[in-house]
Amino acid sequence: MTILGAFFFASLVLTSCGPSACDCAELGMEALKETMANLDDPIKIAESAEKWEKKMKPCVEASEGDEEFEKEVEKCLEDMMKKEK
């Protein structure tokens, strides 16, 4: 296997193991937008919270005890917020 082939294989395996920091940031932004859109309806907020808790579980698990991952999520969130201005 060539070095390039090994690198491609390793990156494929690593990215398939869980969500990326930017994937988690994107999910977080979607959850926030949905919550903000439903502020006047407590039932929809509760339903939304339950839905997003399930969707965000892999991200929560990935960030537990991993400060580097948390920093990457924060950076992605900052970048996303700058783009939305």
PDB file of N, CA and C in Angstrom:
ATOM      1  N   MET A   1       0.857  -1.175   0.000  1.00  0.00           N
ATOM      2  CA  MET A   1       0.000   0.000   0.000  1.00  0.00           C
ATOM      3  C   MET A   1       0.897   1.230   0.000  1.00  0.00           C
ATOM      4  N   THR A   2       0.555   2.172  -0.839  1.00  0.00           N
ATOM      5  CA  THR A   2       1.340   3.399  -0.903  1.00  0.00           C
ATOM      6  C   THR A   2       1.030   4.278   0.304  1.00  0.00           C
ATOM      7  N   ILE A   3       1.876   5.257   0.520  1.00  0.00           N
ATOM      8  CA  ILE A   3       1.660   6.183   1.631  1.00  0.00           C
ATOM      9  C   ILE A   3       0.347   6.930   1.432  1.00  0.00           C
ATOM     10  N   LEU A   4       0.082   7.349   0.209  1.00  0.00           N
ATOM     11  CA  LEU A   4      -1.158   8.060  -0.083  1.00  0.00           C
ATOM     12  C   LEU A   4      -2.370   7.154   0.183  1.00  0.00           C
ATOM     13  N   GLY A   5      -2.262   5.908  -0.220  1.00  0.00           N
ATOM     14  CA  GLY A   5      -3.340   4.950   0.022  1.00  0.00           C
ATOM     15  C   GLY A   5      -3.562   4.726   1.503  1.00  0.00           C
ATOM     16  N   ALA A   6      -2.484   4.620   2.257  1.00  0.00           N
ATOM     17  CA  ALA A   6      -2.584   4.423   3.697  1.00  0.00           C
ATOM     18  C   ALA A   6      -3.204   5.646   4.356  1.00  0.00           C
ATOM     19  N   PHE A   7      -2.807   6.833   3.912  1.00  0.00           N
ATOM     20  CA  PHE A   7      -3.369   8.057   4.469  1.00  0.00           C
ATOM     21  C   PHE A   7      -4.870   8.136   4.189  1.00  0.00           C
ATOM     22  N   PHE A   8      -5.270   7.821   2.951  1.00  0.00           N
ATOM     23  CA  PHE A   8      -6.693   7.845   2.599  1.00  0.00           C
ATOM     24  C   PHE A   8      -7.476   6.861   3.454  1.00  0.00           C
ATOM     25  N   PHE A   9      -6.962   5.664   3.608  1.00  0.00           N
ATOM     26  CA  PHE A   9      -7.630   4.646   4.420  1.00  0.00           C
ATOM     27  C   PHE A   9      -7.752   5.105   5.867  1.00  0.00           C
ATOM     28  N   ALA A  10      -6.686   5.648   6.424  1.00  0.00           N
ATOM     29  CA  ALA A  10      -6.704   6.106   7.816  1.00  0.00           C
ATOM     30  C   ALA A  10      -7.709   7.237   7.997  1.00  0.00           C
ATOM     31  N   SER A  11      -7.754   8.174   7.054  1.00  0.00           N
ATOM     32  CA  SER A  11      -8.701   9.282   7.186  1.00  0.00           C
ATOM     33  C   SER A  11     -10.131   8.801   7.045  1.00  0.00           C
ATOM     34  N   LEU A  12     -10.364   7.818   6.196  1.00  0.00           N
ATOM     35  CA  LEU A  12     -11.696   7.250   6.037  1.00  0.00           C
ATOM     36  C   LEU A  12     -12.150   6.576   7.323  1.00  0.00           C
ATOM     37  N   VAL A  13     -11.268   5.808   7.933  1.00  0.00           N
ATOM     38  CA  VAL A  13     -11.591   5.117   9.175  1.00  0.00           C
ATOM     39  C   VAL A  13     -11.839   6.119  10.296  1.00  0.00           C
ATOM     40  N   LEU A  14     -10.995   7.117  10.406  1.00  0.00           N
ATOM     41  CA  LEU A  14     -11.138   8.101  11.477  1.00  0.00           C
ATOM     42  C   LEU A  14     -12.420   8.903  11.354  1.00  0.00           C
ATOM     43  N   THR A  15     -12.790   9.294  10.150  1.00  0.00           N
ATOM     44  CA  THR A  15     -13.991  10.107   9.994  1.00  0.00           C
ATOM     45  C   THR A  15     -15.260   9.287  10.127  1.00  0.00           C
ATOM     46  N   SER A  16     -15.186   7.982   9.959  1.00  0.00           N
ATOM     47  CA  SER A  16     -16.385   7.155  10.084  1.00  0.00           C
ATOM     48  C   SER A  16     -16.625   6.725  11.523  1.00  0.00           C
ATOM     49  N   CYS A  17     -15.716   7.044  12.425  1.00  0.00           N
ATOM     50  CA  CYS A  17     -15.844   6.625  13.822  1.00  0.00           C
ATOM     51  C   CYS A  17     -16.814   7.479  14.604  1.00  0.00           C
ATOM     52  N   GLY A  18     -17.128   8.635  14.137  1.00  0.00           N
ATOM     53  CA  GLY A  18     -18.028   9.519  14.866  1.00  0.00           C
ATOM     54  C   GLY A  18     -18.139  10.849  14.175  1.00  0.00           C
ATOM     55  N   PRO A  19     -18.936  11.717  14.748  1.00  0.00           N
ATOM     56  CA  PRO A  19     -19.130  13.022  14.112  1.00  0.00           C
ATOM     57  C   PRO A  19     -17.892  13.901  14.248  1.00  0.00           C
ATOM     58  N   SER A  20     -17.721  14.768  13.279  1.00  0.00           N
ATOM     59  CA  SER A  20     -16.629  15.729  13.374  1.00  0.00           C
ATOM     60  C   SER A  20     -17.076  16.878  14.267  1.00  0.00           C
ATOM     61  N   ALA A  21     -16.136  17.670  14.691  1.00  0.00           N
ATOM     62  CA  ALA A  21     -16.452  18.825  15.526  1.00  0.00           C
ATOM     63  C   ALA A  21     -17.385  19.781  14.789  1.00  0.00           C
ATOM     64  N   CYS A  22     -17.149  19.978  13.509  1.00  0.00           N
ATOM     65  CA  CYS A  22     -17.996  20.888  12.739  1.00  0.00           C
ATOM     66  C   CYS A  22     -19.387  20.292  12.507  1.00  0.00           C
ATOM     67  N   ASP A  23     -19.478  18.969  12.400  1.00  0.00           N
ATOM     68  CA  ASP A  23     -20.798  18.327  12.330  1.00  0.00           C
ATOM     69  C   ASP A  23     -21.576  18.629  13.606  1.00  0.00           C
ATOM     70  N   CYS A  24     -20.918  18.530  14.731  1.00  0.00           N
ATOM     71  CA  CYS A  24     -21.561  18.792  16.025  1.00  0.00           C
ATOM     72  C   CYS A  24     -21.957  20.255  16.151  1.00  0.00           C
ATOM     73  N   ALA A  25     -21.107  21.149  15.685  1.00  0.00           N
ATOM     74  CA  ALA A  25     -21.430  22.574  15.722  1.00  0.00           C
ATOM     75  C   ALA A  25     -22.656  22.863  14.863  1.00  0.00           C
ATOM     76  N   GLU A  26     -22.720  22.240  13.702  1.00  0.00           N
ATOM     77  CA  GLU A  26     -23.860  22.430  12.814  1.00  0.00           C
ATOM     78  C   GLU A  26     -25.150  21.922  13.459  1.00  0.00           C
ATOM     79  N   LEU A  27     -25.090  20.764  14.087  1.00  0.00           N
ATOM     80  CA  LEU A  27     -26.261  20.242  14.789  1.00  0.00           C
ATOM     81  C   LEU A  27     -26.687  21.186  15.907  1.00  0.00           C
ATOM     82  N   GLY A  28     -25.720  21.705  16.634  1.00  0.00           N
ATOM     83  CA  GLY A  28     -26.018  22.640  17.713  1.00  0.00           C
ATOM     84  C   GLY A  28     -26.711  23.896  17.205  1.00  0.00           C
ATOM     85  N   MET A  29     -26.253  24.414  16.070  1.00  0.00           N
ATOM     86  CA  MET A  29     -26.879  25.597  15.479  1.00  0.00           C
ATOM     87  C   MET A  29     -28.309  25.290  15.039  1.00  0.00           C
ATOM     88  N   GLU A  30     -28.526  24.126  14.440  1.00  0.00           N
ATOM     89  CA  GLU A  30     -29.870  23.735  14.020  1.00  0.00           C
ATOM     90  C   GLU A  30     -30.797  23.628  15.226  1.00  0.00           C
ATOM     91  N   ALA A  31     -30.296  23.032  16.299  1.00  0.00           N
ATOM     92  CA  ALA A  31     -31.098  22.885  17.520  1.00  0.00           C
ATOM     93  C   ALA A  31     -31.457  24.256  18.091  1.00  0.00           C
ATOM     94  N   LEU A  32     -30.501  25.155  18.107  1.00  0.00           N
ATOM     95  CA  LEU A  32     -30.740  26.500  18.633  1.00  0.00           C
ATOM     96  C   LEU A  32     -31.774  27.244  17.791  1.00  0.00           C
ATOM     97  N   LYS A  33     -31.649  27.152  16.470  1.00  0.00           N
ATOM     98  CA  LYS A  33     -32.602  27.823  15.586  1.00  0.00           C
ATOM     99  C   LYS A  33     -34.011  27.277  15.785  1.00  0.00           C
ATOM    100  N   GLU A  34     -34.126  25.965  15.904  1.00  0.00           N
ATOM    101  CA  GLU A  34     -35.443  25.358  16.101  1.00  0.00           C
ATOM    102  C   GLU A  34     -36.039  25.789  17.440  1.00  0.00           C
ATOM    103  N   THR A  35     -35.217  25.827  18.460  1.00  0.00           N
ATOM    104  CA  THR A  35     -35.694  26.255  19.772  1.00  0.00           C
ATOM    105  C   THR A  35     -36.160  27.709  19.727  1.00  0.00           C
ATOM    106  N   MET A  36     -35.385  28.565  19.096  1.00  0.00           N
ATOM    107  CA  MET A  36     -35.741  29.977  19.005  1.00  0.00           C
ATOM    108  C   MET A  36     -37.040  30.169  18.216  1.00  0.00           C
ATOM    109  N   ALA A  37     -37.262  29.348  17.218  1.00  0.00           N
ATOM    110  CA  ALA A  37     -38.470  29.459  16.405  1.00  0.00           C
ATOM    111  C   ALA A  37     -39.718  29.033  17.176  1.00  0.00           C
ATOM    112  N   ASN A  38     -39.534  28.254  18.227  1.00  0.00           N
ATOM    113  CA  ASN A  38     -40.666  27.722  18.986  1.00  0.00           C
ATOM    114  C   ASN A  38     -40.769  28.293  20.396  1.00  0.00           C
ATOM    115  N   LEU A  39     -40.171  29.436  20.646  1.00  0.00           N
ATOM    116  CA  LEU A  39     -40.155  29.988  21.999  1.00  0.00           C
ATOM    117  C   LEU A  39     -41.547  30.208  22.591  1.00  0.00           C
ATOM    118  N   ASP A  40     -42.524  30.412  21.743  1.00  0.00           N
ATOM    119  CA  ASP A  40     -43.877  30.687  22.244  1.00  0.00           C
ATOM    120  C   ASP A  40     -44.704  29.420  22.484  1.00  0.00           C
ATOM    121  N   ASP A  41     -44.124  28.255  22.234  1.00  0.00           N
ATOM    122  CA  ASP A  41     -44.874  27.008  22.392  1.00  0.00           C
ATOM    123  C   ASP A  41     -44.083  26.018  23.250  1.00  0.00           C
ATOM    124  N   PRO A  42     -44.385  25.931  24.540  1.00  0.00           N
ATOM    125  CA  PRO A  42     -43.635  25.046  25.436  1.00  0.00           C
ATOM    126  C   PRO A  42     -43.691  23.569  25.046  1.00  0.00           C
ATOM    127  N   ILE A  43     -44.783  23.151  24.437  1.00  0.00           N
ATOM    128  CA  ILE A  43     -44.896  21.747  24.018  1.00  0.00           C
ATOM    129  C   ILE A  43     -43.907  21.462  22.892  1.00  0.00           C
ATOM    130  N   LYS A  44     -43.846  22.358  21.908  1.00  0.00           N
ATOM    131  CA  LYS A  44     -42.894  22.179  20.806  1.00  0.00           C
ATOM    132  C   LYS A  44     -41.454  22.241  21.312  1.00  0.00           C
ATOM    133  N   ILE A  45     -41.193  23.090  22.274  1.00  0.00           N
ATOM    134  CA  ILE A  45     -39.837  23.173  22.840  1.00  0.00           C
ATOM    135  C   ILE A  45     -39.469  21.852  23.500  1.00  0.00           C
ATOM    136  N   ALA A  46     -40.390  21.269  24.251  1.00  0.00           N
ATOM    137  CA  ALA A  46     -40.118  19.987  24.918  1.00  0.00           C
ATOM    138  C   ALA A  46     -39.886  18.880  23.891  1.00  0.00           C
ATOM    139  N   GLU A  47     -40.704  18.856  22.840  1.00  0.00           N
ATOM    140  CA  GLU A  47     -40.531  17.858  21.779  1.00  0.00           C
ATOM    141  C   GLU A  47     -39.198  18.055  21.072  1.00  0.00           C
ATOM    142  N   SER A  48     -38.865  19.298  20.814  1.00  0.00           N
ATOM    143  CA  SER A  48     -37.611  19.629  20.148  1.00  0.00           C
ATOM    144  C   SER A  48     -36.417  19.221  21.002  1.00  0.00           C
ATOM    145  N   ALA A  49     -36.505  19.503  22.297  1.00  0.00           N
ATOM    146  CA  ALA A  49     -35.403  19.150  23.203  1.00  0.00           C
ATOM    147  C   ALA A  49     -35.160  17.649  23.211  1.00  0.00           C
ATOM    148  N   GLU A  50     -36.232  16.886  23.221  1.00  0.00           N
ATOM    149  CA  GLU A  50     -36.094  15.420  23.209  1.00  0.00           C
ATOM    150  C   GLU A  50     -35.455  14.945  21.905  1.00  0.00           C
ATOM    151  N   LYS A  51     -35.907  15.505  20.798  1.00  0.00           N
ATOM    152  CA  LYS A  51     -35.359  15.133  19.487  1.00  0.00           C
ATOM    153  C   LYS A  51     -33.869  15.458  19.405  1.00  0.00           C
ATOM    154  N   TRP A  52     -33.505  16.677  19.826  1.00  0.00           N
ATOM    155  CA  TRP A  52     -32.120  17.110  19.697  1.00  0.00           C
ATOM    156  C   TRP A  52     -31.207  16.417  20.699  1.00  0.00           C
ATOM    157  N   GLU A  53     -31.754  16.019  21.831  1.00  0.00           N
ATOM    158  CA  GLU A  53     -30.948  15.267  22.796  1.00  0.00           C
ATOM    159  C   GLU A  53     -30.468  13.963  22.166  1.00  0.00           C
ATOM    160  N   LYS A  54     -31.342  13.312  21.428  1.00  0.00           N
ATOM    161  CA  LYS A  54     -30.973  12.060  20.748  1.00  0.00           C
ATOM    162  C   LYS A  54     -29.961  12.320  19.642  1.00  0.00           C
ATOM    163  N   LYS A  55     -30.215  13.365  18.844  1.00  0.00           N
ATOM    164  CA  LYS A  55     -29.314  13.669  17.731  1.00  0.00           C
ATOM    165  C   LYS A  55     -27.930  14.093  18.210  1.00  0.00           C
ATOM    166  N   MET A  56     -27.883  14.794  19.343  1.00  0.00           N
ATOM    167  CA  MET A  56     -26.624  15.334  19.848  1.00  0.00           C
ATOM    168  C   MET A  56     -25.832  14.342  20.698  1.00  0.00           C
ATOM    169  N   LYS A  57     -26.420  13.209  21.021  1.00  0.00           N
ATOM    170  CA  LYS A  57     -25.758  12.245  21.908  1.00  0.00           C
ATOM    171  C   LYS A  57     -24.348  11.870  21.433  1.00  0.00           C
ATOM    172  N   PRO A  58     -24.149  11.543  20.148  1.00  0.00           N
ATOM    173  CA  PRO A  58     -22.778  11.217  19.710  1.00  0.00           C
ATOM    174  C   PRO A  58     -21.802  12.375  19.915  1.00  0.00           C
ATOM    175  N   CYS A  59     -22.293  13.590  19.782  1.00  0.00           N
ATOM    176  CA  CYS A  59     -21.436  14.764  19.966  1.00  0.00           C
ATOM    177  C   CYS A  59     -21.076  14.938  21.438  1.00  0.00           C
ATOM    178  N   VAL A  60     -22.048  14.741  22.297  1.00  0.00           N
ATOM    179  CA  VAL A  60     -21.796  14.842  23.740  1.00  0.00           C
ATOM    180  C   VAL A  60     -20.777  13.790  24.149  1.00  0.00           C
ATOM    181  N   GLU A  61     -20.961  12.575  23.653  1.00  0.00           N
ATOM    182  CA  GLU A  61     -20.033  11.495  23.982  1.00  0.00           C
ATOM    183  C   GLU A  61     -18.634  11.784  23.452  1.00  0.00           C
ATOM    184  N   ALA A  62     -18.552  12.357  22.254  1.00  0.00           N
ATOM    185  CA  ALA A  62     -17.242  12.664  21.661  1.00  0.00           C
ATOM    186  C   ALA A  62     -16.518  13.748  22.436  1.00  0.00           C
ATOM    187  N   SER A  63     -17.274  14.678  23.013  1.00  0.00           N
ATOM    188  CA  SER A  63     -16.630  15.798  23.692  1.00  0.00           C
ATOM    189  C   SER A  63     -16.323  15.523  25.159  1.00  0.00           C
ATOM    190  N   GLU A  64     -16.918  14.492  25.728  1.00  0.00           N
ATOM    191  CA  GLU A  64     -16.670  14.189  27.142  1.00  0.00           C
ATOM    192  C   GLU A  64     -15.197  13.876  27.370  1.00  0.00           C
ATOM    193  N   GLY A  65     -14.563  14.714  28.151  1.00  0.00           N
ATOM    194  CA  GLY A  65     -13.156  14.508  28.487  1.00  0.00           C
ATOM    195  C   GLY A  65     -12.184  14.818  27.369  1.00  0.00           C
ATOM    196  N   ASP A  66     -12.658  15.397  26.288  1.00  0.00           N
ATOM    197  CA  ASP A  66     -11.790  15.712  25.156  1.00  0.00           C
ATOM    198  C   ASP A  66     -11.821  17.221  24.914  1.00  0.00           C
ATOM    199  N   GLU A  67     -10.935  17.922  25.596  1.00  0.00           N
ATOM    200  CA  GLU A  67     -10.895  19.381  25.498  1.00  0.00           C
ATOM    201  C   GLU A  67     -10.593  19.852  24.080  1.00  0.00           C
ATOM    202  N   GLU A  68      -9.772  19.108  23.372  1.00  0.00           N
ATOM    203  CA  GLU A  68      -9.417  19.484  21.999  1.00  0.00           C
ATOM    204  C   GLU A  68     -10.656  19.451  21.100  1.00  0.00           C
ATOM    205  N   PHE A  69     -11.465  18.427  21.251  1.00  0.00           N
ATOM    206  CA  PHE A  69     -12.690  18.315  20.467  1.00  0.00           C
ATOM    207  C   PHE A  69     -13.625  19.481  20.787  1.00  0.00           C
ATOM    208  N   GLU A  70     -13.758  19.807  22.059  1.00  0.00           N
ATOM    209  CA  GLU A  70     -14.618  20.924  22.472  1.00  0.00           C
ATOM    210  C   GLU A  70     -14.129  22.241  21.861  1.00  0.00           C
ATOM    211  N   LYS A  71     -12.815  22.445  21.841  1.00  0.00           N
ATOM    212  CA  LYS A  71     -12.250  23.662  21.247  1.00  0.00           C
ATOM    213  C   LYS A  71     -12.540  23.715  19.750  1.00  0.00           C
ATOM    214  N   GLU A  72     -12.463  22.553  19.092  1.00  0.00           N
ATOM    215  CA  GLU A  72     -12.754  22.495  17.661  1.00  0.00           C
ATOM    216  C   GLU A  72     -14.222  22.832  17.398  1.00  0.00           C
ATOM    217  N   VAL A  73     -15.124  22.331  18.249  1.00  0.00           N
ATOM    218  CA  VAL A  73     -16.550  22.643  18.111  1.00  0.00           C
ATOM    219  C   VAL A  73     -16.751  24.143  18.266  1.00  0.00           C
ATOM    220  N   GLU A  74     -16.139  24.739  19.269  1.00  0.00           N
ATOM    221  CA  GLU A  74     -16.262  26.180  19.493  1.00  0.00           C
ATOM    222  C   GLU A  74     -15.765  26.972  18.292  1.00  0.00           C
ATOM    223  N   LYS A  75     -14.646  26.550  17.731  1.00  0.00           N
ATOM    224  CA  LYS A  75     -14.099  27.250  16.559  1.00  0.00           C
ATOM    225  C   LYS A  75     -15.062  27.141  15.380  1.00  0.00           C
ATOM    226  N   CYS A  76     -15.611  25.962  15.174  1.00  0.00           N
ATOM    227  CA  CYS A  76     -16.571  25.782  14.084  1.00  0.00           C
ATOM    228  C   CYS A  76     -17.810  26.650  14.302  1.00  0.00           C
ATOM    229  N   LEU A  77     -18.280  26.718  15.544  1.00  0.00           N
ATOM    230  CA  LEU A  77     -19.441  27.564  15.851  1.00  0.00           C
ATOM    231  C   LEU A  77     -19.142  29.026  15.551  1.00  0.00           C
ATOM    232  N   GLU A  78     -17.971  29.484  15.946  1.00  0.00           N
ATOM    233  CA  GLU A  78     -17.576  30.868  15.689  1.00  0.00           C
ATOM    234  C   GLU A  78     -17.537  31.134  14.187  1.00  0.00           C
ATOM    235  N   ASP A  79     -16.956  30.199  13.436  1.00  0.00           N
ATOM    236  CA  ASP A  79     -16.878  30.360  11.978  1.00  0.00           C
ATOM    237  C   ASP A  79     -18.275  30.397  11.367  1.00  0.00           C
ATOM    238  N   MET A  80     -19.176  29.544  11.850  1.00  0.00           N
ATOM    239  CA  MET A  80     -20.535  29.510  11.325  1.00  0.00           C
ATOM    240  C   MET A  80     -21.268  30.807  11.621  1.00  0.00           C
ATOM    241  N   MET A  81     -21.075  31.345  12.805  1.00  0.00           N
ATOM    242  CA  MET A  81     -21.744  32.594  13.189  1.00  0.00           C
ATOM    243  C   MET A  81     -21.235  33.767  12.346  1.00  0.00           C
ATOM    244  N   LYS A  82     -19.950  33.771  12.044  1.00  0.00           N
ATOM    245  CA  LYS A  82     -19.391  34.834  11.199  1.00  0.00           C
ATOM    246  C   LYS A  82     -20.000  34.780   9.797  1.00  0.00           C
ATOM    247  N   LYS A  83     -20.220  33.567   9.282  1.00  0.00           N
ATOM    248  CA  LYS A  83     -20.779  33.418   7.932  1.00  0.00           C
ATOM    249  C   LYS A  83     -22.233  33.854   7.868  1.00  0.00           C
ATOM    250  N   GLU A  84     -22.956  33.733   8.985  1.00  0.00           N
ATOM    251  CA  GLU A  84     -24.366  34.070   8.986  1.00  0.00           C
ATOM    252  C   GLU A  84     -24.640  35.555   9.156  1.00  0.00           C
ATOM    253  N   LYS A  85     -23.632  36.333   9.473  1.00  0.00           N
ATOM    254  CA  LYS A  85     -23.821  37.783   9.661  1.00  0.00           C
ATOM    255  C   LYS A  85     -24.134  38.478   8.388  1.00  0.00           C
TER     256      LYS A  85
END
